[in-house]
Protein backbone atom coordinates (compact mmCIF):
# COMPACT_ATOMS: atom_id res chain seq x y z
CA MET A 1 7.68 -13.61 29.15
CA SER A 2 9.30 -16.95 28.74
CA GLY A 3 10.23 -18.78 31.82
CA GLY A 4 11.95 -21.99 32.58
CA ASP A 5 12.00 -23.93 35.79
CA VAL A 6 15.60 -24.77 36.17
CA ALA A 7 16.99 -26.46 39.28
CA ALA A 8 20.55 -26.14 40.40
CA ALA A 9 22.78 -28.72 38.84
CA GLU A 10 23.39 -31.52 41.28
CA PRO A 11 26.42 -33.70 41.14
CA LYS A 12 25.70 -37.13 39.78
CA LYS A 13 25.37 -39.74 42.48
CA LYS A 14 26.63 -43.22 42.20
CA GLY A 15 24.23 -46.04 42.81
CA ARG A 16 24.83 -49.34 44.58
CA ARG A 17 26.93 -50.85 41.94
CA GLY A 18 29.07 -47.81 41.31
CA LYS A 19 27.37 -46.68 38.12
CA ALA A 20 26.45 -43.04 37.75
CA LYS A 21 22.72 -42.39 37.79
CA LYS A 22 21.18 -40.09 35.23
CA GLY A 23 20.13 -36.75 36.64
CA ARG A 24 16.49 -35.84 36.94
CA ARG A 25 15.05 -34.20 33.79
CA LEU A 26 14.48 -30.50 34.16
CA GLY A 27 10.97 -29.19 33.46
CA ILE A 28 10.90 -26.25 31.04
CA ARG A 29 7.81 -24.14 30.61
CA ILE A 30 7.58 -21.70 27.65
CA ASP A 31 5.14 -18.82 27.84
CA ARG A 32 3.25 -18.62 24.53
CA SER A 33 1.49 -15.28 24.99
CA PRO A 34 4.22 -13.22 23.23
CA LEU A 35 3.97 -15.63 20.29
CA VAL A 36 0.25 -14.89 19.99
CA ASP A 37 0.95 -11.15 20.21
CA VAL A 38 3.48 -11.36 17.39
CA ALA A 39 1.08 -13.40 15.25
CA PHE A 40 -1.66 -10.78 15.66
CA LEU A 41 0.78 -7.97 14.94
CA LEU A 42 1.86 -9.66 11.72
CA LEU A 43 -1.75 -10.32 10.77
CA THR A 44 -2.76 -6.70 11.26
CA PHE A 45 0.37 -5.46 9.48
CA PHE A 46 -0.38 -7.52 6.37
CA MET A 47 -4.06 -6.60 6.45
CA PHE A 48 -3.32 -2.87 6.53
CA THR A 49 -0.46 -2.88 4.02
CA THR A 50 -2.17 -5.06 1.41
CA SER A 51 -4.02 -3.06 -1.17
CA MET A 52 -7.47 -4.37 -1.77
CA SER A 53 -8.08 -5.05 -5.45
CA ARG A 54 -11.08 -3.31 -6.87
CA PRO A 55 -13.12 -5.15 -9.47
CA GLN A 56 -12.35 -4.00 -12.97
CA THR A 57 -15.56 -3.25 -14.80
CA MET A 58 -16.55 -1.54 -17.97
CA GLU A 59 -19.58 0.68 -18.17
CA ILE A 60 -21.98 -0.38 -20.90
CA ASN A 61 -24.79 1.87 -22.01
CA LEU A 62 -27.71 -0.03 -23.48
CA PRO A 63 -30.59 1.64 -25.30
CA PRO A 64 -33.77 1.76 -23.21
CA ASN A 65 -35.89 0.42 -26.05
CA LYS A 66 -34.93 -2.59 -28.19
CA GLU A 67 -36.74 -1.24 -31.22
CA GLN A 68 -34.93 2.09 -31.05
CA THR A 69 -32.58 2.70 -33.97
CA VAL A 70 -29.68 5.09 -34.14
CA GLU A 71 -28.88 6.83 -37.41
CA ILE A 72 -25.17 7.16 -38.18
CA ALA A 73 -23.58 8.57 -41.31
CA GLU A 74 -21.82 5.82 -43.26
CA SER A 75 -18.63 7.87 -43.43
CA ASN A 76 -18.49 7.79 -39.61
CA LEU A 77 -18.97 4.02 -39.33
CA LEU A 78 -15.95 1.73 -39.08
CA THR A 79 -16.95 -1.92 -39.28
CA ILE A 80 -14.58 -4.54 -37.90
CA ARG A 81 -15.39 -8.17 -38.63
CA VAL A 82 -13.73 -11.09 -36.87
CA ASN A 83 -14.27 -14.64 -38.15
CA GLU A 84 -13.99 -17.94 -36.27
CA LYS A 85 -10.23 -18.12 -37.01
CA ALA A 86 -9.72 -14.72 -35.34
CA GLU A 87 -8.89 -13.07 -38.67
CA ILE A 88 -9.73 -9.36 -38.62
CA PHE A 89 -11.26 -7.42 -41.52
CA TRP A 90 -12.20 -3.74 -41.55
CA ASN A 91 -14.02 -1.33 -43.80
CA VAL A 92 -15.47 2.16 -43.71
CA ALA A 93 -18.95 2.72 -45.14
CA LEU A 94 -19.53 0.46 -48.15
CA ASP A 95 -15.89 -0.13 -49.11
CA ALA A 96 -14.60 -3.66 -49.60
CA PRO A 97 -13.24 -5.19 -46.37
CA LYS A 98 -9.48 -5.29 -45.94
CA ARG A 99 -7.54 -7.68 -43.74
CA ILE A 100 -5.45 -6.37 -40.86
CA GLU A 101 -3.20 -8.16 -38.38
CA PHE A 102 -4.03 -8.00 -34.68
CA LYS A 103 -0.66 -6.43 -33.77
CA GLU A 104 -1.31 -3.54 -36.20
CA LEU A 105 -4.88 -2.98 -35.00
CA ARG A 106 -4.25 -0.54 -32.12
CA ALA A 107 -2.19 1.88 -34.22
CA PHE A 108 -4.77 1.66 -37.00
CA LEU A 109 -7.65 2.40 -34.59
CA LYS A 110 -5.82 5.37 -33.05
CA GLU A 111 -5.12 6.77 -36.51
CA ARG A 112 -8.78 6.40 -37.55
CA ALA A 113 -10.05 7.94 -34.30
CA LEU A 114 -7.78 10.97 -34.73
CA ALA A 115 -8.82 11.39 -38.36
CA ASN A 116 -12.55 11.28 -37.53
CA PRO A 117 -13.65 12.33 -34.01
CA LYS A 118 -17.26 11.25 -34.76
CA LEU A 119 -16.13 7.70 -35.53
CA VAL A 120 -18.39 4.89 -34.35
CA THR A 121 -17.00 1.36 -34.48
CA LEU A 122 -19.19 -1.65 -35.17
CA LEU A 123 -17.53 -4.84 -33.97
CA LYS A 124 -18.97 -7.97 -35.55
CA ILE A 125 -17.65 -11.24 -34.15
CA ASP A 126 -18.50 -14.76 -35.27
CA ARG A 127 -20.44 -16.68 -32.62
CA THR A 128 -18.13 -19.69 -33.02
CA ALA A 129 -15.02 -17.62 -32.26
CA LYS A 130 -13.41 -17.99 -28.86
CA TYR A 131 -14.52 -15.66 -26.10
CA ASN A 132 -11.04 -14.25 -25.51
CA VAL A 133 -11.03 -12.95 -29.11
CA MET A 134 -13.93 -10.64 -28.24
CA VAL A 135 -12.27 -9.58 -24.98
CA ASN A 136 -9.01 -8.83 -26.80
CA MET A 137 -10.84 -6.79 -29.42
CA ILE A 138 -12.66 -4.72 -26.78
CA ASP A 139 -9.35 -4.21 -24.97
CA GLU A 140 -7.79 -2.92 -28.18
CA LEU A 141 -10.68 -0.49 -28.65
CA ASN A 142 -10.19 0.77 -25.09
CA GLN A 143 -6.42 1.07 -25.56
CA ALA A 144 -7.05 3.14 -28.69
CA TYR A 145 -9.41 5.40 -26.66
CA ILE A 146 -12.43 4.49 -28.77
CA THR A 147 -15.41 4.82 -26.48
CA ARG A 148 -18.21 4.68 -29.04
CA PHE A 149 -18.56 1.14 -30.30
CA SER A 150 -21.24 -1.48 -30.73
CA LEU A 151 -21.15 -5.26 -30.68
CA ALA A 152 -23.05 -7.39 -33.16
CA PRO A 153 -22.94 -11.00 -34.34
CA LEU A 154 -21.31 -11.85 -37.65
CA MET A 155 -24.14 -12.63 -40.07
CA GLU A 156 -24.05 -14.90 -43.14
CA LYS A 157 -23.83 -11.93 -45.52
CA ASP A 158 -20.75 -10.73 -43.59
CA LYS A 159 -19.20 -14.18 -43.89
CA ASP A 160 -19.87 -14.14 -47.65
CA LEU A 161 -18.29 -10.69 -47.91
CA ILE A 162 -15.19 -11.91 -46.06
CA ALA A 163 -15.03 -15.05 -48.25
CA LYS A 164 -14.93 -12.86 -51.38
CA VAL A 165 -12.02 -10.88 -49.98
CA GLN A 166 -10.06 -14.00 -48.99
CA SER A 167 -10.33 -15.66 -52.41
C-alpha cells in the first residue's frame, strides 16, 4: 500500500570544527494506487446514486390539416385573454369579459372544469407579452387538470373588447 524508505536513525556526527552535521534526508515514497482506487469508487458511487433527470415535456396534439375547423358549442368555450401587462380576462360564450387575478385563476379554472366536463379553454395571449406569462398560464391550466385547451394570438378586436371592460 503505502511504503516509506526509512533508515535507522543515526547519531549526529560532529564535523571538524565541533559543529553537529545535519542528518541525511530520508526518502519517502507514497504509493498512489489506493488513491486512484478510492477516486474510482467515489466516481462510480455518485454515478449510480444520482438520479438522472428526465426532460419534462408536454404532449401537444396538432390538427393534421390547417384548414380543418372544430365546432364547439359556445356554452362549452371558456376564453381567457391576457394582455401585454399580464392582466387576465375571462368570459364564457358571448358574455362580457371579466378581470381575474393570477392567484385566483387556478381555483377558478378547477371550479369551471368541475361544473362543465366538456369545457374547452381558448387561451389568447398578446404577442408583446413576455414568454413566461404564456408558460405560467399553461402551467395553471395543467395544475387545474384542464387538458383541452387551445392557444391563439390576441387580435385587435380582443384588445378593443378588453379596453371597453377596463374603462
